[in-house]
Amino acid sequence: MSDVRTCSTCGAKAKYKMKDAVETYTAVQDENAFKKIGQLKKAMQKFKDKAEALEKELEILKAKL
């Protein structure tokens, strides 16, 4: 998932990447795209939390058998 941060040089919202100790900012020019990125990040976090809870429940059920 994209990491959206404020650019350190221009102050605009940008996608942030760190590769081989090099920081890269790619501008997010469309405000709607920025909102969608935020919504997707929240949805993915909810899905991840639910998956982790199900994995824990599965481990408990396996331990009971």
PDB file of N, CA and C in Angstrom:
ATOM      1  N   MET A   1       0.835  -1.166   0.000  1.00  0.00           N
ATOM      2  CA  MET A   1       0.000   0.000   0.000  1.00  0.00           C
ATOM      3  C   MET A   1       0.886   1.237   0.000  1.00  0.00           C
ATOM      4  N   SER A   2       0.466   2.232  -0.697  1.00  0.00           N
ATOM      5  CA  SER A   2       1.253   3.447  -0.788  1.00  0.00           C
ATOM      6  C   SER A   2       1.291   4.184   0.539  1.00  0.00           C
ATOM      7  N   ASP A   3       2.440   4.723   0.819  1.00  0.00           N
ATOM      8  CA  ASP A   3       2.619   5.533   2.011  1.00  0.00           C
ATOM      9  C   ASP A   3       2.553   6.981   1.572  1.00  0.00           C
ATOM     10  N   VAL A   4       1.470   7.688   1.946  1.00  0.00           N
ATOM     11  CA  VAL A   4       1.285   9.083   1.534  1.00  0.00           C
ATOM     12  C   VAL A   4       1.781   9.978   2.655  1.00  0.00           C
ATOM     13  N   ARG A   5       2.686  10.856   2.303  1.00  0.00           N
ATOM     14  CA  ARG A   5       3.272  11.804   3.268  1.00  0.00           C
ATOM     15  C   ARG A   5       3.339  13.189   2.647  1.00  0.00           C
ATOM     16  N   THR A   6       3.708  14.153   3.465  1.00  0.00           N
ATOM     17  CA  THR A   6       3.948  15.501   2.970  1.00  0.00           C
ATOM     18  C   THR A   6       5.390  15.582   2.484  1.00  0.00           C
ATOM     19  N   CYS A   7       5.573  16.046   1.266  1.00  0.00           N
ATOM     20  CA  CYS A   7       6.899  16.153   0.666  1.00  0.00           C
ATOM     21  C   CYS A   7       7.760  17.118   1.479  1.00  0.00           C
ATOM     22  N   SER A   8       8.995  16.717   1.743  1.00  0.00           N
ATOM     23  CA  SER A   8       9.876  17.552   2.561  1.00  0.00           C
ATOM     24  C   SER A   8      10.378  18.787   1.826  1.00  0.00           C
ATOM     25  N   THR A   9      10.342  18.763   0.501  1.00  0.00           N
ATOM     26  CA  THR A   9      10.850  19.915  -0.249  1.00  0.00           C
ATOM     27  C   THR A   9       9.757  20.902  -0.657  1.00  0.00           C
ATOM     28  N   CYS A  10       8.582  20.394  -1.088  1.00  0.00           N
ATOM     29  CA  CYS A  10       7.554  21.309  -1.579  1.00  0.00           C
ATOM     30  C   CYS A  10       6.336  21.410  -0.671  1.00  0.00           C
ATOM     31  N   GLY A  11       6.167  20.475   0.260  1.00  0.00           N
ATOM     32  CA  GLY A  11       5.051  20.528   1.189  1.00  0.00           C
ATOM     33  C   GLY A  11       3.753  19.950   0.647  1.00  0.00           C
ATOM     34  N   ALA A  12       3.757  19.393  -0.557  1.00  0.00           N
ATOM     35  CA  ALA A  12       2.560  18.807  -1.155  1.00  0.00           C
ATOM     36  C   ALA A  12       2.410  17.354  -0.712  1.00  0.00           C
ATOM     37  N   LYS A  13       1.221  16.815  -0.868  1.00  0.00           N
ATOM     38  CA  LYS A  13       0.974  15.408  -0.570  1.00  0.00           C
ATOM     39  C   LYS A  13       1.636  14.570  -1.656  1.00  0.00           C
ATOM     40  N   ALA A  14       2.342  13.523  -1.254  1.00  0.00           N
ATOM     41  CA  ALA A  14       3.060  12.704  -2.212  1.00  0.00           C
ATOM     42  C   ALA A  14       3.179  11.272  -1.706  1.00  0.00           C
ATOM     43  N   LYS A  15       3.295  10.339  -2.656  1.00  0.00           N
ATOM     44  CA  LYS A  15       3.564   8.948  -2.303  1.00  0.00           C
ATOM     45  C   LYS A  15       5.039   8.854  -1.929  1.00  0.00           C
ATOM     46  N   TYR A  16       5.307   8.160  -0.848  1.00  0.00           N
ATOM     47  CA  TYR A  16       6.661   8.065  -0.315  1.00  0.00           C
ATOM     48  C   TYR A  16       7.178   6.649  -0.495  1.00  0.00           C
ATOM     49  N   LYS A  17       8.419   6.539  -0.976  1.00  0.00           N
ATOM     50  CA  LYS A  17       9.079   5.240  -1.095  1.00  0.00           C
ATOM     51  C   LYS A  17      10.508   5.361  -0.590  1.00  0.00           C
ATOM     52  N   MET A  18      10.980   4.278   0.027  1.00  0.00           N
ATOM     53  CA  MET A  18      12.366   4.221   0.486  1.00  0.00           C
ATOM     54  C   MET A  18      12.980   2.987  -0.154  1.00  0.00           C
ATOM     55  N   LYS A  19      13.960   3.197  -1.019  1.00  0.00           N
ATOM     56  CA  LYS A  19      14.607   2.079  -1.697  1.00  0.00           C
ATOM     57  C   LYS A  19      16.108   2.305  -1.683  1.00  0.00           C
ATOM     58  N   ASP A  20      16.824   1.333  -1.150  1.00  0.00           N
ATOM     59  CA  ASP A  20      18.284   1.412  -1.057  1.00  0.00           C
ATOM     60  C   ASP A  20      18.733   2.701  -0.381  1.00  0.00           C
ATOM     61  N   ALA A  21      18.075   3.041   0.722  1.00  0.00           N
ATOM     62  CA  ALA A  21      18.378   4.233   1.519  1.00  0.00           C
ATOM     63  C   ALA A  21      18.180   5.543   0.763  1.00  0.00           C
ATOM     64  N   VAL A  22      17.354   5.513  -0.296  1.00  0.00           N
ATOM     65  CA  VAL A  22      17.040   6.723  -1.057  1.00  0.00           C
ATOM     66  C   VAL A  22      15.545   6.991  -0.923  1.00  0.00           C
ATOM     67  N   GLU A  23      15.203   8.172  -0.408  1.00  0.00           N
ATOM     68  CA  GLU A  23      13.800   8.552  -0.280  1.00  0.00           C
ATOM     69  C   GLU A  23      13.304   9.110  -1.598  1.00  0.00           C
ATOM     70  N   THR A  24      12.096   8.671  -2.011  1.00  0.00           N
ATOM     71  CA  THR A  24      11.504   9.139  -3.252  1.00  0.00           C
ATOM     72  C   THR A  24      10.090   9.621  -2.980  1.00  0.00           C
ATOM     73  N   TYR A  25       9.758  10.805  -3.454  1.00  0.00           N
ATOM     74  CA  TYR A  25       8.414  11.346  -3.348  1.00  0.00           C
ATOM     75  C   TYR A  25       7.836  11.484  -4.754  1.00  0.00           C
ATOM     76  N   THR A  26       6.610  10.946  -4.939  1.00  0.00           N
ATOM     77  CA  THR A  26       5.909  11.073  -6.209  1.00  0.00           C
ATOM     78  C   THR A  26       4.621  11.841  -5.929  1.00  0.00           C
ATOM     79  N   ALA A  27       4.418  12.938  -6.621  1.00  0.00           N
ATOM     80  CA  ALA A  27       3.295  13.823  -6.339  1.00  0.00           C
ATOM     81  C   ALA A  27       1.952  13.153  -6.573  1.00  0.00           C
ATOM     82  N   VAL A  28       1.009  13.417  -5.659  1.00  0.00           N
ATOM     83  CA  VAL A  28      -0.387  13.031  -5.832  1.00  0.00           C
ATOM     84  C   VAL A  28      -1.094  14.315  -6.243  1.00  0.00           C
ATOM     85  N   GLN A  29      -1.452  14.401  -7.514  1.00  0.00           N
ATOM     86  CA  GLN A  29      -1.971  15.664  -8.038  1.00  0.00           C
ATOM     87  C   GLN A  29      -3.484  15.774  -7.949  1.00  0.00           C
ATOM     88  N   ASP A  30      -4.166  14.669  -7.883  1.00  0.00           N
ATOM     89  CA  ASP A  30      -5.618  14.684  -7.864  1.00  0.00           C
ATOM     90  C   ASP A  30      -6.108  14.506  -6.429  1.00  0.00           C
ATOM     91  N   GLU A  31      -6.871  15.454  -5.923  1.00  0.00           N
ATOM     92  CA  GLU A  31      -7.368  15.392  -4.545  1.00  0.00           C
ATOM     93  C   GLU A  31      -8.268  14.173  -4.341  1.00  0.00           C
ATOM     94  N   ASN A  32      -9.059  13.822  -5.357  1.00  0.00           N
ATOM     95  CA  ASN A  32      -9.900  12.631  -5.246  1.00  0.00           C
ATOM     96  C   ASN A  32      -9.046  11.380  -5.127  1.00  0.00           C
ATOM     97  N   ALA A  33      -7.953  11.327  -5.850  1.00  0.00           N
ATOM     98  CA  ALA A  33      -7.049  10.177  -5.758  1.00  0.00           C
ATOM     99  C   ALA A  33      -6.473  10.089  -4.349  1.00  0.00           C
ATOM    100  N   PHE A  34      -6.132  11.212  -3.765  1.00  0.00           N
ATOM    101  CA  PHE A  34      -5.600  11.232  -2.408  1.00  0.00           C
ATOM    102  C   PHE A  34      -6.631  10.682  -1.420  1.00  0.00           C
ATOM    103  N   LYS A  35      -7.892  11.095  -1.582  1.00  0.00           N
ATOM    104  CA  LYS A  35      -8.949  10.597  -0.699  1.00  0.00           C
ATOM    105  C   LYS A  35      -9.125   9.093  -0.873  1.00  0.00           C
ATOM    106  N   LYS A  36      -9.084   8.618  -2.114  1.00  0.00           N
ATOM    107  CA  LYS A  36      -9.237   7.189  -2.391  1.00  0.00           C
ATOM    108  C   LYS A  36      -8.090   6.388  -1.778  1.00  0.00           C
ATOM    109  N   ILE A  37      -6.889   6.918  -1.857  1.00  0.00           N
ATOM    110  CA  ILE A  37      -5.735   6.240  -1.262  1.00  0.00           C
ATOM    111  C   ILE A  37      -5.953   6.091   0.240  1.00  0.00           C
ATOM    112  N   GLY A  38      -6.430   7.133   0.881  1.00  0.00           N
ATOM    113  CA  GLY A  38      -6.709   7.079   2.315  1.00  0.00           C
ATOM    114  C   GLY A  38      -7.783   6.060   2.646  1.00  0.00           C
ATOM    115  N   GLN A  39      -8.848   6.024   1.830  1.00  0.00           N
ATOM    116  CA  GLN A  39      -9.923   5.067   2.053  1.00  0.00           C
ATOM    117  C   GLN A  39      -9.415   3.637   1.874  1.00  0.00           C
ATOM    118  N   LEU A  40      -8.614   3.419   0.856  1.00  0.00           N
ATOM    119  CA  LEU A  40      -8.080   2.084   0.611  1.00  0.00           C
ATOM    120  C   LEU A  40      -7.162   1.635   1.741  1.00  0.00           C
ATOM    121  N   LYS A  41      -6.352   2.545   2.258  1.00  0.00           N
ATOM    122  CA  LYS A  41      -5.468   2.201   3.373  1.00  0.00           C
ATOM    123  C   LYS A  41      -6.274   1.787   4.593  1.00  0.00           C
ATOM    124  N   LYS A  42      -7.364   2.512   4.888  1.00  0.00           N
ATOM    125  CA  LYS A  42      -8.213   2.165   6.023  1.00  0.00           C
ATOM    126  C   LYS A  42      -8.879   0.812   5.810  1.00  0.00           C
ATOM    127  N   ALA A  43      -9.381   0.570   4.604  1.00  0.00           N
ATOM    128  CA  ALA A  43     -10.040  -0.701   4.304  1.00  0.00           C
ATOM    129  C   ALA A  43      -9.058  -1.863   4.409  1.00  0.00           C
ATOM    130  N   MET A  44      -7.852  -1.683   3.902  1.00  0.00           N
ATOM    131  CA  MET A  44      -6.848  -2.739   3.970  1.00  0.00           C
ATOM    132  C   MET A  44      -6.453  -3.015   5.415  1.00  0.00           C
ATOM    133  N   GLN A  45      -6.377  -1.983   6.248  1.00  0.00           N
ATOM    134  CA  GLN A  45      -6.035  -2.176   7.655  1.00  0.00           C
ATOM    135  C   GLN A  45      -7.127  -2.968   8.365  1.00  0.00           C
ATOM    136  N   LYS A  46      -8.407  -2.651   8.073  1.00  0.00           N
ATOM    137  CA  LYS A  46      -9.512  -3.402   8.666  1.00  0.00           C
ATOM    138  C   LYS A  46      -9.445  -4.870   8.251  1.00  0.00           C
ATOM    139  N   PHE A  47      -9.193  -5.112   6.971  1.00  0.00           N
ATOM    140  CA  PHE A  47      -9.092  -6.480   6.459  1.00  0.00           C
ATOM    141  C   PHE A  47      -7.940  -7.218   7.133  1.00  0.00           C
ATOM    142  N   LYS A  48      -6.818  -6.540   7.278  1.00  0.00           N
ATOM    143  CA  LYS A  48      -5.652  -7.148   7.920  1.00  0.00           C
ATOM    144  C   LYS A  48      -5.953  -7.507   9.371  1.00  0.00           C
ATOM    145  N   ASP A  49      -6.627  -6.607  10.093  1.00  0.00           N
ATOM    146  CA  ASP A  49      -6.983  -6.861  11.487  1.00  0.00           C
ATOM    147  C   ASP A  49      -7.914  -8.070  11.605  1.00  0.00           C
ATOM    148  N   LYS A  50      -8.906  -8.146  10.696  1.00  0.00           N
ATOM    149  CA  LYS A  50      -9.834  -9.268  10.719  1.00  0.00           C
ATOM    150  C   LYS A  50      -9.108 -10.576  10.405  1.00  0.00           C
ATOM    151  N   ALA A  51      -8.214 -10.553   9.437  1.00  0.00           N
ATOM    152  CA  ALA A  51      -7.462 -11.756   9.075  1.00  0.00           C
ATOM    153  C   ALA A  51      -6.595 -12.225  10.235  1.00  0.00           C
ATOM    154  N   GLU A  52      -5.958 -11.304  10.925  1.00  0.00           N
ATOM    155  CA  GLU A  52      -5.132 -11.668  12.080  1.00  0.00           C
ATOM    156  C   GLU A  52      -5.979 -12.268  13.194  1.00  0.00           C
ATOM    157  N   ALA A  53      -7.168 -11.705  13.428  1.00  0.00           N
ATOM    158  CA  ALA A  53      -8.062 -12.240  14.457  1.00  0.00           C
ATOM    159  C   ALA A  53      -8.499 -13.657  14.091  1.00  0.00           C
ATOM    160  N   LEU A  54      -8.813 -13.880  12.817  1.00  0.00           N
ATOM    161  CA  LEU A  54      -9.211 -15.217  12.374  1.00  0.00           C
ATOM    162  C   LEU A  54      -8.067 -16.211  12.489  1.00  0.00           C
ATOM    163  N   GLU A  55      -6.855 -15.771  12.207  1.00  0.00           N
ATOM    164  CA  GLU A  55      -5.693 -16.651  12.354  1.00  0.00           C
ATOM    165  C   GLU A  55      -5.503 -17.057  13.816  1.00  0.00           C
ATOM    166  N   LYS A  56      -5.665 -16.115  14.735  1.00  0.00           N
ATOM    167  CA  LYS A  56      -5.546 -16.417  16.161  1.00  0.00           C
ATOM    168  C   LYS A  56      -6.629 -17.403  16.598  1.00  0.00           C
ATOM    169  N   GLU A  57      -7.855 -17.178  16.113  1.00  0.00           N
ATOM    170  CA  GLU A  57      -8.957 -18.083  16.449  1.00  0.00           C
ATOM    171  C   GLU A  57      -8.694 -19.484  15.896  1.00  0.00           C
ATOM    172  N   LEU A  58      -8.161 -19.551  14.695  1.00  0.00           N
ATOM    173  CA  LEU A  58      -7.827 -20.846  14.096  1.00  0.00           C
ATOM    174  C   LEU A  58      -6.759 -21.576  14.897  1.00  0.00           C
ATOM    175  N   GLU A  59      -5.754 -20.857  15.357  1.00  0.00           N
ATOM    176  CA  GLU A  59      -4.714 -21.459  16.185  1.00  0.00           C
ATOM    177  C   GLU A  59      -5.297 -22.021  17.480  1.00  0.00           C
ATOM    178  N   ILE A  60      -6.223 -21.282  18.074  1.00  0.00           N
ATOM    179  CA  ILE A  60      -6.860 -21.747  19.311  1.00  0.00           C
ATOM    180  C   ILE A  60      -7.658 -23.013  19.037  1.00  0.00           C
ATOM    181  N   LEU A  61      -8.392 -23.025  17.927  1.00  0.00           N
ATOM    182  CA  LEU A  61      -9.198 -24.207  17.584  1.00  0.00           C
ATOM    183  C   LEU A  61      -8.295 -25.416  17.287  1.00  0.00           C
ATOM    184  N   LYS A  62      -7.186 -25.186  16.622  1.00  0.00           N
ATOM    185  CA  LYS A  62      -6.250 -26.274  16.331  1.00  0.00           C
ATOM    186  C   LYS A  62      -5.649 -26.821  17.611  1.00  0.00           C
ATOM    187  N   ALA A  63      -5.391 -25.955  18.573  1.00  0.00           N
ATOM    188  CA  ALA A  63      -4.793 -26.373  19.837  1.00  0.00           C
ATOM    189  C   ALA A  63      -5.761 -27.239  20.644  1.00  0.00           C
ATOM    190  N   LYS A  64      -7.052 -27.006  20.487  1.00  0.00           N
ATOM    191  CA  LYS A  64      -8.063 -27.776  21.212  1.00  0.00           C
ATOM    192  C   LYS A  64      -8.193 -29.195  20.665  1.00  0.00           C
ATOM    193  N   LEU A  65      -7.832 -29.394  19.400  1.00  0.00           N
ATOM    194  CA  LEU A  65      -7.972 -30.726  18.778  1.00  0.00           C
ATOM    195  C   LEU A  65      -6.882 -31.603  19.151  1.00  0.00           C
TER     196      LEU A  65
END
